[in-house]
Amino acid sequence: MQGVGVIEDADKLQAGHRVWFSCDAGMRPGDGAMAELCVAEESAVLPLADGVDEGLAAALGLSAIAA
């Protein structure tokens, strides 16, 4: 449901930027944020600052869901 990636194409966001995102990926069979490409609403995408570890950023939302 959350992931880290690079913008490929968007209406308002610039391609090539690293981002954290939340989406409904993974809620259907054969779907998920670990896919090569994932669709997310632009309102659910947050830019990652330089130097932010991608693994750490990808895990941030998971502890709240697991709790």
C-alpha atoms as a PDB file:
ATOM      1  CA  MET A   1       0.000   0.000   0.000  1.00  0.00           C
ATOM      2  CA  GLN A   2       3.008   2.290   0.347  1.00  0.00           C
ATOM      3  CA  GLY A   3       6.211   2.494  -1.560  1.00  0.00           C
ATOM      4  CA  VAL A   4       9.118   4.543  -2.781  1.00  0.00           C
ATOM      5  CA  GLY A   5       9.799   5.203  -6.409  1.00  0.00           C
ATOM      6  CA  VAL A   6      10.633   7.652  -9.149  1.00  0.00           C
ATOM      7  CA  ILE A   7       7.982   9.651 -10.997  1.00  0.00           C
ATOM      8  CA  GLU A   8       7.647   8.332 -14.552  1.00  0.00           C
ATOM      9  CA  ASP A   9       4.678  10.435 -15.668  1.00  0.00           C
ATOM     10  CA  ALA A  10       2.324  12.822 -13.886  1.00  0.00           C
ATOM     11  CA  ASP A  11       0.083  15.791 -14.548  1.00  0.00           C
ATOM     12  CA  LYS A  12       1.617  18.122 -11.945  1.00  0.00           C
ATOM     13  CA  LEU A  13       4.667  16.312 -10.530  1.00  0.00           C
ATOM     14  CA  GLN A  14       8.014  16.377 -12.312  1.00  0.00           C
ATOM     15  CA  ALA A  15       9.317  13.149 -13.843  1.00  0.00           C
ATOM     16  CA  GLY A  16      12.531  11.818 -12.333  1.00  0.00           C
ATOM     17  CA  HIS A  17      11.846  12.880  -8.723  1.00  0.00           C
ATOM     18  CA  ARG A  18      12.126  10.283  -5.924  1.00  0.00           C
ATOM     19  CA  VAL A  19       8.911  10.021  -3.935  1.00  0.00           C
ATOM     20  CA  TRP A  20       7.090   8.127  -1.188  1.00  0.00           C
ATOM     21  CA  PHE A  21       3.518   7.196  -2.092  1.00  0.00           C
ATOM     22  CA  SER A  22       0.416   5.603  -0.683  1.00  0.00           C
ATOM     23  CA  CYS A  23      -2.130   3.857  -2.895  1.00  0.00           C
ATOM     24  CA  ASP A  24      -4.535   0.932  -3.060  1.00  0.00           C
ATOM     25  CA  ALA A  25      -1.866  -1.277  -4.660  1.00  0.00           C
ATOM     26  CA  GLY A  26      -1.733  -4.716  -3.138  1.00  0.00           C
ATOM     27  CA  MET A  27      -5.430  -4.835  -2.394  1.00  0.00           C
ATOM     28  CA  ARG A  28      -6.159  -6.991  -5.469  1.00  0.00           C
ATOM     29  CA  PRO A  29      -4.477 -10.195  -6.698  1.00  0.00           C
ATOM     30  CA  GLY A  30      -1.466  -9.505  -8.923  1.00  0.00           C
ATOM     31  CA  ASP A  31      -1.222  -5.906  -7.761  1.00  0.00           C
ATOM     32  CA  GLY A  32       1.225  -4.175  -5.453  1.00  0.00           C
ATOM     33  CA  ALA A  33       3.705  -1.402  -4.828  1.00  0.00           C
ATOM     34  CA  MET A  34       6.627  -3.735  -5.558  1.00  0.00           C
ATOM     35  CA  ALA A  35       5.621  -3.922  -9.214  1.00  0.00           C
ATOM     36  CA  GLU A  36       7.812  -2.346 -11.893  1.00  0.00           C
ATOM     37  CA  LEU A  37       5.217   0.424 -12.271  1.00  0.00           C
ATOM     38  CA  CYS A  38       2.552   1.554  -9.808  1.00  0.00           C
ATOM     39  CA  VAL A  39      -0.235   4.129 -10.142  1.00  0.00           C
ATOM     40  CA  ALA A  40      -0.911   6.524  -7.265  1.00  0.00           C
ATOM     41  CA  GLU A  41      -3.011   9.656  -6.925  1.00  0.00           C
ATOM     42  CA  GLU A  42      -0.782  12.737  -7.047  1.00  0.00           C
ATOM     43  CA  SER A  43      -2.311  13.897  -3.762  1.00  0.00           C
ATOM     44  CA  ALA A  44      -0.867  10.743  -2.122  1.00  0.00           C
ATOM     45  CA  VAL A  45       2.703  11.348  -3.333  1.00  0.00           C
ATOM     46  CA  LEU A  46       5.348  13.074  -1.194  1.00  0.00           C
ATOM     47  CA  PRO A  47       8.768  14.102  -2.500  1.00  0.00           C
ATOM     48  CA  LEU A  48      11.794  12.587  -0.765  1.00  0.00           C
ATOM     49  CA  ALA A  49      14.602  14.922   0.234  1.00  0.00           C
ATOM     50  CA  ASP A  50      18.115  14.123  -0.948  1.00  0.00           C
ATOM     51  CA  GLY A  51      19.839  11.758   1.438  1.00  0.00           C
ATOM     52  CA  VAL A  52      16.655  10.078   2.728  1.00  0.00           C
ATOM     53  CA  ASP A  53      17.147   6.316   2.762  1.00  0.00           C
ATOM     54  CA  GLU A  54      14.587   4.689   0.442  1.00  0.00           C
ATOM     55  CA  GLY A  55      14.211   1.572   2.612  1.00  0.00           C
ATOM     56  CA  LEU A  56      13.503   3.666   5.705  1.00  0.00           C
ATOM     57  CA  ALA A  57      11.033   5.892   3.850  1.00  0.00           C
ATOM     58  CA  ALA A  58       9.214   2.861   2.414  1.00  0.00           C
ATOM     59  CA  ALA A  59       8.774   1.389   5.914  1.00  0.00           C
ATOM     60  CA  LEU A  60       7.485   4.526   7.660  1.00  0.00           C
ATOM     61  CA  GLY A  61       3.761   3.870   7.233  1.00  0.00           C
ATOM     62  CA  LEU A  62       3.950   0.157   7.957  1.00  0.00           C
ATOM     63  CA  SER A  63       4.362   0.380  11.733  1.00  0.00           C
ATOM     64  CA  ALA A  64       1.079   2.242  12.102  1.00  0.00           C
ATOM     65  CA  ILE A  65      -0.750  -0.331   9.987  1.00  0.00           C
ATOM     66  CA  ALA A  66       0.814  -3.256  11.857  1.00  0.00           C
ATOM     67  CA  ALA A  67      -0.091  -1.728  15.215  1.00  0.00           C
END
